[in-house]
């Protein structure tokens, strides 16, 4: 992945991340955690699963800069056992905008 460096130019940066998903029996909700090498906090979202569309929907509030919280909706659609599509939506002034999409394919 490339990110701007101190000189303002784009430079390759190592990026790693890890997600753990599960089901909380006490709350009756699914949860998702995310941590990566670009941030200093753990993201925790809660949500539900719709079996008709094979889609998990999670919600959270992210604080990218101190004092500024952004409402986020994530979806993870299970296409089949080898393909998933993840989408990230942010609330900007009451209008939801998709700011990221990742298509996952299991390696053979």
PDB file of N, CA and C in Angstrom:
ATOM      1  N   UNK A   1       0.845  -1.162   0.000  1.00  0.00           N
ATOM      2  CA  UNK A   1       0.000   0.000   0.000  1.00  0.00           C
ATOM      3  C   UNK A   1       0.896   1.232   0.000  1.00  0.00           C
ATOM      4  N   UNK A   2       0.433   2.309  -0.614  1.00  0.00           N
ATOM      5  CA  UNK A   2       1.211   3.540  -0.655  1.00  0.00           C
ATOM      6  C   UNK A   2       0.542   4.624   0.181  1.00  0.00           C
ATOM      7  N   UNK A   3       1.373   5.372   0.904  1.00  0.00           N
ATOM      8  CA  UNK A   3       0.899   6.473   1.744  1.00  0.00           C
ATOM      9  C   UNK A   3       1.845   7.656   1.558  1.00  0.00           C
ATOM     10  N   UNK A   4       1.338   8.885   1.765  1.00  0.00           N
ATOM     11  CA  UNK A   4       2.231  10.039   1.648  1.00  0.00           C
ATOM     12  C   UNK A   4       3.251  10.059   2.784  1.00  0.00           C
ATOM     13  N   UNK A   5       4.489  10.374   2.441  1.00  0.00           N
ATOM     14  CA  UNK A   5       5.558  10.484   3.429  1.00  0.00           C
ATOM     15  C   UNK A   5       5.774  11.930   3.837  1.00  0.00           C
ATOM     16  N   UNK A   6       6.769  12.195   4.699  1.00  0.00           N
ATOM     17  CA  UNK A   6       7.054  13.558   5.154  1.00  0.00           C
ATOM     18  C   UNK A   6       7.382  14.523   4.010  1.00  0.00           C
ATOM     19  N   UNK A   7       7.860  13.961   2.898  1.00  0.00           N
ATOM     20  CA  UNK A   7       8.206  14.800   1.746  1.00  0.00           C
ATOM     21  C   UNK A   7       6.999  15.064   0.835  1.00  0.00           C
ATOM     22  N   UNK A   8       5.832  14.535   1.225  1.00  0.00           N
ATOM     23  CA  UNK A   8       4.628  14.739   0.428  1.00  0.00           C
ATOM     24  C   UNK A   8       4.481  13.765  -0.726  1.00  0.00           C
ATOM     25  N   UNK A   9       5.486  12.939  -0.965  1.00  0.00           N
ATOM     26  CA  UNK A   9       5.453  11.956  -2.043  1.00  0.00           C
ATOM     27  C   UNK A   9       4.898  10.629  -1.533  1.00  0.00           C
ATOM     28  N   UNK A  10       4.333   9.852  -2.442  1.00  0.00           N
ATOM     29  CA  UNK A  10       3.802   8.542  -2.085  1.00  0.00           C
ATOM     30  C   UNK A  10       4.939   7.537  -1.946  1.00  0.00           C
ATOM     31  N   UNK A  11       4.896   6.734  -0.871  1.00  0.00           N
ATOM     32  CA  UNK A  11       5.913   5.726  -0.598  1.00  0.00           C
ATOM     33  C   UNK A  11       5.234   4.425  -0.203  1.00  0.00           C
ATOM     34  N   UNK A  12       5.847   3.279  -0.561  1.00  0.00           N
ATOM     35  CA  UNK A  12       5.276   1.997  -0.134  1.00  0.00           C
ATOM     36  C   UNK A  12       5.364   1.863   1.390  1.00  0.00           C
ATOM     37  N   UNK A  13       4.283   1.354   1.987  1.00  0.00           N
ATOM     38  CA  UNK A  13       4.217   1.163   3.426  1.00  0.00           C
ATOM     39  C   UNK A  13       3.689  -0.249   3.683  1.00  0.00           C
ATOM     40  N   UNK A  14       4.343  -0.964   4.598  1.00  0.00           N
ATOM     41  CA  UNK A  14       3.824  -2.277   4.990  1.00  0.00           C
ATOM     42  C   UNK A  14       2.528  -2.082   5.763  1.00  0.00           C
ATOM     43  N   UNK A  15       1.535  -2.874   5.446  1.00  0.00           N
ATOM     44  CA  UNK A  15       0.239  -2.782   6.110  1.00  0.00           C
ATOM     45  C   UNK A  15      -0.226  -4.175   6.469  1.00  0.00           C
ATOM     46  N   UNK A  16      -0.585  -4.363   7.723  1.00  0.00           N
ATOM     47  CA  UNK A  16      -1.179  -5.617   8.158  1.00  0.00           C
ATOM     48  C   UNK A  16      -2.393  -5.303   9.022  1.00  0.00           C
ATOM     49  N   UNK A  17      -3.353  -6.185   9.003  1.00  0.00           N
ATOM     50  CA  UNK A  17      -4.545  -6.015   9.819  1.00  0.00           C
ATOM     51  C   UNK A  17      -5.113  -7.365  10.193  1.00  0.00           C
ATOM     52  N   UNK A  18      -5.920  -7.356  11.251  1.00  0.00           N
ATOM     53  CA  UNK A  18      -6.520  -8.603  11.697  1.00  0.00           C
ATOM     54  C   UNK A  18      -7.942  -8.324  12.187  1.00  0.00           C
ATOM     55  N   UNK A  19      -8.858  -9.191  11.784  1.00  0.00           N
ATOM     56  CA  UNK A  19     -10.250  -9.079  12.186  1.00  0.00           C
ATOM     57  C   UNK A  19     -10.653 -10.346  12.923  1.00  0.00           C
ATOM     58  N   UNK A  20     -11.446 -10.168  13.966  1.00  0.00           N
ATOM     59  CA  UNK A  20     -12.038 -11.297  14.678  1.00  0.00           C
ATOM     60  C   UNK A  20     -13.539 -11.027  14.746  1.00  0.00           C
ATOM     61  N   UNK A  21     -14.331 -11.975  14.281  1.00  0.00           N
ATOM     62  CA  UNK A  21     -15.787 -11.865  14.300  1.00  0.00           C
ATOM     63  C   UNK A  21     -16.348 -12.962  15.191  1.00  0.00           C
ATOM     64  N   UNK A  22     -17.509 -12.702  15.755  1.00  0.00           N
ATOM     65  CA  UNK A  22     -18.141 -13.701  16.594  1.00  0.00           C
ATOM     66  C   UNK A  22     -19.574 -13.348  16.910  1.00  0.00           C
ATOM     67  N   UNK A  23     -20.159 -14.119  17.810  1.00  0.00           N
ATOM     68  CA  UNK A  23     -21.541 -13.901  18.229  1.00  0.00           C
ATOM     69  C   UNK A  23     -21.551 -13.801  19.745  1.00  0.00           C
ATOM     70  N   UNK A  24     -22.156 -12.743  20.270  1.00  0.00           N
ATOM     71  CA  UNK A  24     -22.267 -12.517  21.708  1.00  0.00           C
ATOM     72  C   UNK A  24     -23.619 -13.059  22.172  1.00  0.00           C
ATOM     73  N   UNK A  25     -23.591 -14.185  22.880  1.00  0.00           N
ATOM     74  CA  UNK A  25     -24.831 -14.816  23.345  1.00  0.00           C
ATOM     75  C   UNK A  25     -25.602 -13.938  24.325  1.00  0.00           C
ATOM     76  N   UNK A  26     -24.898 -13.162  25.145  1.00  0.00           N
ATOM     77  CA  UNK A  26     -25.561 -12.314  26.144  1.00  0.00           C
ATOM     78  C   UNK A  26     -26.332 -11.175  25.473  1.00  0.00           C
ATOM     79  N   UNK A  27     -25.744 -10.564  24.443  1.00  0.00           N
ATOM     80  CA  UNK A  27     -26.394  -9.448  23.753  1.00  0.00           C
ATOM     81  C   UNK A  27     -27.290  -9.907  22.613  1.00  0.00           C
ATOM     82  N   UNK A  28     -27.057 -11.132  22.124  1.00  0.00           N
ATOM     83  CA  UNK A  28     -27.823 -11.628  20.984  1.00  0.00           C
ATOM     84  C   UNK A  28     -27.452 -10.899  19.701  1.00  0.00           C
ATOM     85  N   UNK A  29     -26.172 -10.497  19.610  1.00  0.00           N
ATOM     86  CA  UNK A  29     -25.704  -9.758  18.432  1.00  0.00           C
ATOM     87  C   UNK A  29     -24.373 -10.318  17.957  1.00  0.00           C
ATOM     88  N   UNK A  30     -24.113 -10.118  16.673  1.00  0.00           N
ATOM     89  CA  UNK A  30     -22.798 -10.412  16.128  1.00  0.00           C
ATOM     90  C   UNK A  30     -21.873  -9.244  16.464  1.00  0.00           C
ATOM     91  N   UNK A  31     -20.569  -9.518  16.510  1.00  0.00           N
ATOM     92  CA  UNK A  31     -19.601  -8.452  16.721  1.00  0.00           C
ATOM     93  C   UNK A  31     -18.422  -8.646  15.785  1.00  0.00           C
ATOM     94  N   UNK A  32     -17.709  -7.566  15.564  1.00  0.00           N
ATOM     95  CA  UNK A  32     -16.515  -7.592  14.730  1.00  0.00           C
ATOM     96  C   UNK A  32     -15.476  -6.684  15.377  1.00  0.00           C
ATOM     97  N   UNK A  33     -14.238  -7.155  15.448  1.00  0.00           N
ATOM     98  CA  UNK A  33     -13.134  -6.334  15.926  1.00  0.00           C
ATOM     99  C   UNK A  33     -12.117  -6.199  14.810  1.00  0.00           C
ATOM    100  N   UNK A  34     -11.434  -5.063  14.776  1.00  0.00           N
ATOM    101  CA  UNK A  34     -10.413  -4.819  13.751  1.00  0.00           C
ATOM    102  C   UNK A  34      -9.274  -4.031  14.358  1.00  0.00           C
ATOM    103  N   UNK A  35      -8.055  -4.446  14.057  1.00  0.00           N
ATOM    104  CA  UNK A  35      -6.868  -3.705  14.449  1.00  0.00           C
ATOM    105  C   UNK A  35      -5.867  -3.819  13.303  1.00  0.00           C
ATOM    106  N   UNK A  36      -5.111  -2.733  13.077  1.00  0.00           N
ATOM    107  CA  UNK A  36      -4.138  -2.771  11.987  1.00  0.00           C
ATOM    108  C   UNK A  36      -2.916  -1.937  12.326  1.00  0.00           C
ATOM    109  N   UNK A  37      -1.939  -2.005  11.439  1.00  0.00           N
ATOM    110  CA  UNK A  37      -0.660  -1.333  11.659  1.00  0.00           C
ATOM    111  C   UNK A  37      -0.714   0.168  11.391  1.00  0.00           C
ATOM    112  N   UNK A  38      -1.847   0.690  10.934  1.00  0.00           N
ATOM    113  CA  UNK A  38      -1.942   2.118  10.637  1.00  0.00           C
ATOM    114  C   UNK A  38      -2.628   2.897  11.762  1.00  0.00           C
ATOM    115  N   UNK A  39      -3.267   2.209  12.686  1.00  0.00           N
ATOM    116  CA  UNK A  39      -3.998   2.886  13.752  1.00  0.00           C
ATOM    117  C   UNK A  39      -3.480   2.481  15.117  1.00  0.00           C
ATOM    118  N   UNK A  40      -3.991   3.156  16.134  1.00  0.00           N
ATOM    119  CA  UNK A  40      -3.568   2.847  17.501  1.00  0.00           C
ATOM    120  C   UNK A  40      -4.727   2.375  18.356  1.00  0.00           C
ATOM    121  N   UNK A  41      -5.868   2.123  17.742  1.00  0.00           N
ATOM    122  CA  UNK A  41      -7.022   1.688  18.524  1.00  0.00           C
ATOM    123  C   UNK A  41      -7.654   0.448  17.904  1.00  0.00           C
ATOM    124  N   UNK A  42      -8.487  -0.189  18.694  1.00  0.00           N
ATOM    125  CA  UNK A  42      -9.239  -1.358  18.261  1.00  0.00           C
ATOM    126  C   UNK A  42     -10.640  -0.901  17.892  1.00  0.00           C
ATOM    127  N   UNK A  43     -11.097  -1.250  16.706  1.00  0.00           N
ATOM    128  CA  UNK A  43     -12.476  -0.943  16.314  1.00  0.00           C
ATOM    129  C   UNK A  43     -13.366  -2.098  16.749  1.00  0.00           C
ATOM    130  N   UNK A  44     -14.490  -1.771  17.360  1.00  0.00           N
ATOM    131  CA  UNK A  44     -15.454  -2.778  17.781  1.00  0.00           C
ATOM    132  C   UNK A  44     -16.817  -2.381  17.252  1.00  0.00           C
ATOM    133  N   UNK A  45     -17.427  -3.269  16.486  1.00  0.00           N
ATOM    134  CA  UNK A  45     -18.750  -2.997  15.935  1.00  0.00           C
ATOM    135  C   UNK A  45     -19.691  -4.141  16.297  1.00  0.00           C
ATOM    136  N   UNK A  46     -20.986  -3.822  16.335  1.00  0.00           N
ATOM    137  CA  UNK A  46     -22.019  -4.816  16.629  1.00  0.00           C
ATOM    138  C   UNK A  46     -23.033  -4.816  15.501  1.00  0.00           C
ATOM    139  N   UNK A  47     -23.673  -5.969  15.307  1.00  0.00           N
ATOM    140  CA  UNK A  47     -24.657  -6.007  14.246  1.00  0.00           C
ATOM    141  C   UNK A  47     -25.467  -7.271  14.195  1.00  0.00           C
ATOM    142  N   UNK A  48     -25.970  -7.519  12.989  1.00  0.00           N
ATOM    143  CA  UNK A  48     -26.889  -8.632  12.773  1.00  0.00           C
ATOM    144  C   UNK A  48     -26.555  -9.330  11.454  1.00  0.00           C
ATOM    145  N   UNK A  49     -27.233 -10.449  11.234  1.00  0.00           N
ATOM    146  CA  UNK A  49     -27.056 -11.217  10.002  1.00  0.00           C
ATOM    147  C   UNK A  49     -28.418 -11.430   9.360  1.00  0.00           C
ATOM    148  N   UNK A  50     -28.496 -11.178   8.057  1.00  0.00           N
ATOM    149  CA  UNK A  50     -29.718 -11.420   7.287  1.00  0.00           C
ATOM    150  C   UNK A  50     -29.492 -12.646   6.410  1.00  0.00           C
ATOM    151  N   UNK A  51     -30.091 -13.797   6.768  1.00  0.00           N
ATOM    152  CA  UNK A  51     -29.853 -15.008   5.982  1.00  0.00           C
ATOM    153  C   UNK A  51     -30.382 -14.923   4.552  1.00  0.00           C
ATOM    154  N   UNK A  52     -31.417 -14.130   4.309  1.00  0.00           N
ATOM    155  CA  UNK A  52     -31.970 -14.024   2.950  1.00  0.00           C
ATOM    156  C   UNK A  52     -30.957 -13.413   1.987  1.00  0.00           C
ATOM    157  N   UNK A  53     -30.218 -12.396   2.445  1.00  0.00           N
ATOM    158  CA  UNK A  53     -29.223 -11.752   1.566  1.00  0.00           C
ATOM    159  C   UNK A  53     -27.803 -12.218   1.867  1.00  0.00           C
ATOM    160  N   UNK A  54     -27.649 -13.104   2.869  1.00  0.00           N
ATOM    161  CA  UNK A  54     -26.336 -13.592   3.307  1.00  0.00           C
ATOM    162  C   UNK A  54     -25.413 -12.415   3.642  1.00  0.00           C
ATOM    163  N   UNK A  55     -25.951 -11.439   4.393  1.00  0.00           N
ATOM    164  CA  UNK A  55     -25.202 -10.222   4.682  1.00  0.00           C
ATOM    165  C   UNK A  55     -25.179  -9.916   6.171  1.00  0.00           C
ATOM    166  N   UNK A  56     -23.969  -9.677   6.681  1.00  0.00           N
ATOM    167  CA  UNK A  56     -23.783  -9.156   8.026  1.00  0.00           C
ATOM    168  C   UNK A  56     -23.795  -7.633   7.921  1.00  0.00           C
ATOM    169  N   UNK A  57     -24.452  -6.953   8.857  1.00  0.00           N
ATOM    170  CA  UNK A  57     -24.461  -5.497   8.910  1.00  0.00           C
ATOM    171  C   UNK A  57     -24.033  -5.085  10.304  1.00  0.00           C
ATOM    172  N   UNK A  58     -22.968  -4.291  10.370  1.00  0.00           N
ATOM    173  CA  UNK A  58     -22.414  -3.837  11.639  1.00  0.00           C
ATOM    174  C   UNK A  58     -22.466  -2.315  11.708  1.00  0.00           C
ATOM    175  N   UNK A  59     -22.537  -1.791  12.941  1.00  0.00           N
ATOM    176  CA  UNK A  59     -22.507  -0.337  13.155  1.00  0.00           C
ATOM    177  C   UNK A  59     -21.503  -0.012  14.259  1.00  0.00           C
ATOM    178  N   UNK A  60     -20.876   1.154  14.106  1.00  0.00           N
ATOM    179  CA  UNK A  60     -19.930   1.634  15.106  1.00  0.00           C
ATOM    180  C   UNK A  60     -19.765   3.137  14.964  1.00  0.00           C
ATOM    181  N   UNK A  61     -19.110   3.743  15.942  1.00  0.00           N
ATOM    182  CA  UNK A  61     -18.684   5.132  15.842  1.00  0.00           C
ATOM    183  C   UNK A  61     -17.174   5.132  15.928  1.00  0.00           C
ATOM    184  N   UNK A  62     -16.530   5.728  14.937  1.00  0.00           N
ATOM    185  CA  UNK A  62     -15.072   5.775  14.885  1.00  0.00           C
ATOM    186  C   UNK A  62     -14.610   7.190  15.174  1.00  0.00           C
ATOM    187  N   UNK A  63     -13.552   7.299  15.972  1.00  0.00           N
ATOM    188  CA  UNK A  63     -12.978   8.602  16.293  1.00  0.00           C
ATOM    189  C   UNK A  63     -11.613   8.692  15.613  1.00  0.00           C
ATOM    190  N   UNK A  64     -11.611   9.123  14.333  1.00  0.00           N
ATOM    191  CA  UNK A  64     -10.370   9.192  13.555  1.00  0.00           C
ATOM    192  C   UNK A  64      -9.457  10.311  14.051  1.00  0.00           C
ATOM    193  N   UNK A  65     -10.060  11.409  14.507  1.00  0.00           N
ATOM    194  CA  UNK A  65      -9.311  12.495  15.129  1.00  0.00           C
ATOM    195  C   UNK A  65      -9.983  12.801  16.467  1.00  0.00           C
ATOM    196  N   UNK A  66      -9.199  13.187  17.478  1.00  0.00           N
ATOM    197  CA  UNK A  66      -9.776  13.409  18.804  1.00  0.00           C
ATOM    198  C   UNK A  66     -10.966  14.369  18.763  1.00  0.00           C
ATOM    199  N   UNK A  67     -12.065  13.939  19.393  1.00  0.00           N
ATOM    200  CA  UNK A  67     -13.250  14.768  19.490  1.00  0.00           C
ATOM    201  C   UNK A  67     -14.169  14.740  18.282  1.00  0.00           C
ATOM    202  N   UNK A  68     -13.791  14.002  17.249  1.00  0.00           N
ATOM    203  CA  UNK A  68     -14.608  13.935  16.035  1.00  0.00           C
ATOM    204  C   UNK A  68     -15.036  12.488  15.808  1.00  0.00           C
ATOM    205  N   UNK A  69     -16.300  12.196  16.098  1.00  0.00           N
ATOM    206  CA  UNK A  69     -16.803  10.835  15.916  1.00  0.00           C
ATOM    207  C   UNK A  69     -17.582  10.747  14.613  1.00  0.00           C
ATOM    208  N   UNK A  70     -17.368   9.652  13.912  1.00  0.00           N
ATOM    209  CA  UNK A  70     -18.059   9.396  12.652  1.00  0.00           C
ATOM    210  C   UNK A  70     -18.851   8.112  12.783  1.00  0.00           C
ATOM    211  N   UNK A  71     -20.144   8.161  12.441  1.00  0.00           N
ATOM    212  CA  UNK A  71     -20.968   6.955  12.428  1.00  0.00           C
ATOM    213  C   UNK A  71     -20.605   6.140  11.197  1.00  0.00           C
ATOM    214  N   UNK A  72     -20.464   4.834  11.398  1.00  0.00           N
ATOM    215  CA  UNK A  72     -20.047   3.932  10.325  1.00  0.00           C
ATOM    216  C   UNK A  72     -21.003   2.752  10.265  1.00  0.00           C
ATOM    217  N   UNK A  73     -21.297   2.331   9.035  1.00  0.00           N
ATOM    218  CA  UNK A  73     -22.039   1.085   8.791  1.00  0.00           C
ATOM    219  C   UNK A  73     -21.159   0.218   7.908  1.00  0.00           C
ATOM    220  N   UNK A  74     -20.953  -1.016   8.330  1.00  0.00           N
ATOM    221  CA  UNK A  74     -20.183  -1.983   7.544  1.00  0.00           C
ATOM    222  C   UNK A  74     -21.118  -3.092   7.095  1.00  0.00           C
ATOM    223  N   UNK A  75     -20.905  -3.586   5.887  1.00  0.00           N
ATOM    224  CA  UNK A  75     -21.626  -4.775   5.448  1.00  0.00           C
ATOM    225  C   UNK A  75     -20.606  -5.802   4.952  1.00  0.00           C
ATOM    226  N   UNK A  76     -20.904  -7.055   5.210  1.00  0.00           N
ATOM    227  CA  UNK A  76     -20.093  -8.157   4.695  1.00  0.00           C
ATOM    228  C   UNK A  76     -21.056  -9.143   4.058  1.00  0.00           C
ATOM    229  N   UNK A  77     -21.036  -9.200   2.722  1.00  0.00           N
ATOM    230  CA  UNK A  77     -21.920 -10.100   1.980  1.00  0.00           C
ATOM    231  C   UNK A  77     -21.152 -11.369   1.635  1.00  0.00           C
ATOM    232  N   UNK A  78     -21.729 -12.496   2.004  1.00  0.00           N
ATOM    233  CA  UNK A  78     -21.134 -13.796   1.703  1.00  0.00           C
ATOM    234  C   UNK A  78     -21.675 -14.246   0.359  1.00  0.00           C
ATOM    235  N   UNK A  79     -20.828 -14.198  -0.655  1.00  0.00           N
ATOM    236  CA  UNK A  79     -21.233 -14.626  -2.000  1.00  0.00           C
ATOM    237  C   UNK A  79     -21.273 -16.155  -2.046  1.00  0.00           C
ATOM    238  N   UNK A  80     -20.182 -16.774  -1.618  1.00  0.00           N
ATOM    239  CA  UNK A  80     -20.085 -18.221  -1.464  1.00  0.00           C
ATOM    240  C   UNK A  80     -18.925 -18.478  -0.511  1.00  0.00           C
ATOM    241  N   UNK A  81     -18.560 -19.729  -0.301  1.00  0.00           N
ATOM    242  CA  UNK A  81     -17.522 -20.039   0.685  1.00  0.00           C
ATOM    243  C   UNK A  81     -16.152 -19.466   0.320  1.00  0.00           C
ATOM    244  N   UNK A  82     -15.951 -19.062  -0.916  1.00  0.00           N
ATOM    245  CA  UNK A  82     -14.663 -18.543  -1.365  1.00  0.00           C
ATOM    246  C   UNK A  82     -14.664 -17.050  -1.677  1.00  0.00           C
ATOM    247  N   UNK A  83     -15.826 -16.395  -1.614  1.00  0.00           N
ATOM    248  CA  UNK A  83     -15.919 -14.984  -2.017  1.00  0.00           C
ATOM    249  C   UNK A  83     -16.815 -14.196  -1.063  1.00  0.00           C
ATOM    250  N   UNK A  84     -16.284 -13.071  -0.571  1.00  0.00           N
ATOM    251  CA  UNK A  84     -17.030 -12.149   0.293  1.00  0.00           C
ATOM    252  C   UNK A  84     -16.805 -10.735  -0.219  1.00  0.00           C
ATOM    253  N   UNK A  85     -17.767  -9.844   0.016  1.00  0.00           N
ATOM    254  CA  UNK A  85     -17.613  -8.434  -0.351  1.00  0.00           C
ATOM    255  C   UNK A  85     -17.875  -7.593   0.895  1.00  0.00           C
ATOM    256  N   UNK A  86     -16.890  -6.788   1.265  1.00  0.00           N
ATOM    257  CA  UNK A  86     -16.968  -5.904   2.427  1.00  0.00           C
ATOM    258  C   UNK A  86     -17.161  -4.467   1.948  1.00  0.00           C
ATOM    259  N   UNK A  87     -18.097  -3.740   2.564  1.00  0.00           N
ATOM    260  CA  UNK A  87     -18.318  -2.331   2.230  1.00  0.00           C
ATOM    261  C   UNK A  87     -18.334  -1.508   3.515  1.00  0.00           C
ATOM    262  N   UNK A  88     -17.785  -0.303   3.441  1.00  0.00           N
ATOM    263  CA  UNK A  88     -17.664   0.607   4.579  1.00  0.00           C
ATOM    264  C   UNK A  88     -18.348   1.913   4.203  1.00  0.00           C
ATOM    265  N   UNK A  89     -19.330   2.331   5.007  1.00  0.00           N
ATOM    266  CA  UNK A  89     -20.092   3.554   4.760  1.00  0.00           C
ATOM    267  C   UNK A  89     -19.894   4.510   5.930  1.00  0.00           C
ATOM    268  N   UNK A  90     -19.646   5.795   5.649  1.00  0.00           N
ATOM    269  CA  UNK A  90     -19.484   6.805   6.682  1.00  0.00           C
ATOM    270  C   UNK A  90     -20.595   7.837   6.572  1.00  0.00           C
ATOM    271  N   UNK A  91     -21.036   8.343   7.726  1.00  0.00           N
ATOM    272  CA  UNK A  91     -22.034   9.397   7.770  1.00  0.00           C
ATOM    273  C   UNK A  91     -21.309  10.746   7.702  1.00  0.00           C
ATOM    274  N   UNK A  92     -21.588  11.504   6.654  1.00  0.00           N
ATOM    275  CA  UNK A  92     -21.008  12.834   6.473  1.00  0.00           C
ATOM    276  C   UNK A  92     -22.141  13.845   6.444  1.00  0.00           C
ATOM    277  N   UNK A  93     -22.354  14.506   7.585  1.00  0.00           N
ATOM    278  CA  UNK A  93     -23.405  15.524   7.654  1.00  0.00           C
ATOM    279  C   UNK A  93     -24.795  14.978   7.423  1.00  0.00           C
ATOM    280  N   UNK A  94     -25.063  13.774   7.912  1.00  0.00           N
ATOM    281  CA  UNK A  94     -26.388  13.179   7.738  1.00  0.00           C
ATOM    282  C   UNK A  94     -26.558  12.410   6.437  1.00  0.00           C
ATOM    283  N   UNK A  95     -25.529  12.402   5.601  1.00  0.00           N
ATOM    284  CA  UNK A  95     -25.582  11.659   4.335  1.00  0.00           C
ATOM    285  C   UNK A  95     -24.560  10.525   4.381  1.00  0.00           C
ATOM    286  N   UNK A  96     -25.042   9.308   4.160  1.00  0.00           N
ATOM    287  CA  UNK A  96     -24.156   8.154   4.177  1.00  0.00           C
ATOM    288  C   UNK A  96     -23.434   8.016   2.842  1.00  0.00           C
ATOM    289  N   UNK A  97     -22.106   7.824   2.911  1.00  0.00           N
ATOM    290  CA  UNK A  97     -21.300   7.661   1.701  1.00  0.00           C
ATOM    291  C   UNK A  97     -20.433   6.418   1.819  1.00  0.00           C
ATOM    292  N   UNK A  98     -20.398   5.620   0.744  1.00  0.00           N
ATOM    293  CA  UNK A  98     -19.503   4.456   0.723  1.00  0.00           C
ATOM    294  C   UNK A  98     -18.093   4.956   0.465  1.00  0.00           C
ATOM    295  N   UNK A  99     -17.180   4.625   1.390  1.00  0.00           N
ATOM    296  CA  UNK A  99     -15.805   5.097   1.252  1.00  0.00           C
ATOM    297  C   UNK A  99     -14.810   3.962   1.029  1.00  0.00           C
ATOM    298  N   UNK A 100     -15.282   2.705   1.098  1.00  0.00           N
ATOM    299  CA  UNK A 100     -14.368   1.594   0.857  1.00  0.00           C
ATOM    300  C   UNK A 100     -15.151   0.359   0.450  1.00  0.00           C
ATOM    301  N   UNK A 101     -14.560  -0.425  -0.442  1.00  0.00           N
ATOM    302  CA  UNK A 101     -15.099  -1.733  -0.823  1.00  0.00           C
ATOM    303  C   UNK A 101     -13.929  -2.670  -1.021  1.00  0.00           C
ATOM    304  N   UNK A 102     -14.012  -3.850  -0.420  1.00  0.00           N
ATOM    305  CA  UNK A 102     -12.971  -4.871  -0.558  1.00  0.00           C
ATOM    306  C   UNK A 102     -13.644  -6.160  -0.995  1.00  0.00           C
ATOM    307  N   UNK A 103     -13.126  -6.778  -2.048  1.00  0.00           N
ATOM    308  CA  UNK A 103     -13.605  -8.080  -2.491  1.00  0.00           C
ATOM    309  C   UNK A 103     -12.582  -9.128  -2.057  1.00  0.00           C
ATOM    310  N   UNK A 104     -13.025 -10.084  -1.257  1.00  0.00           N
ATOM    311  CA  UNK A 104     -12.161 -11.135  -0.751  1.00  0.00           C
ATOM    312  C   UNK A 104     -12.354 -12.401  -1.568  1.00  0.00           C
ATOM    313  N   UNK A 105     -11.256 -13.043  -1.931  1.00  0.00           N
ATOM    314  CA  UNK A 105     -11.276 -14.321  -2.629  1.00  0.00           C
ATOM    315  C   UNK A 105     -10.302 -15.258  -1.928  1.00  0.00           C
ATOM    316  N   UNK A 106     -10.793 -16.420  -1.520  1.00  0.00           N
ATOM    317  CA  UNK A 106      -9.932 -17.397  -0.860  1.00  0.00           C
ATOM    318  C   UNK A 106      -8.892 -17.928  -1.857  1.00  0.00           C
ATOM    319  N   UNK A 107      -7.644 -18.013  -1.396  1.00  0.00           N
ATOM    320  CA  UNK A 107      -6.600 -18.575  -2.233  1.00  0.00           C
ATOM    321  C   UNK A 107      -6.810 -20.071  -2.390  1.00  0.00           C
ATOM    322  N   UNK A 108      -6.515 -20.563  -3.585  1.00  0.00           N
ATOM    323  CA  UNK A 108      -6.662 -22.005  -3.845  1.00  0.00           C
ATOM    324  C   UNK A 108      -5.461 -22.740  -3.322  1.00  0.00           C
TER     325      UNK A 108
END
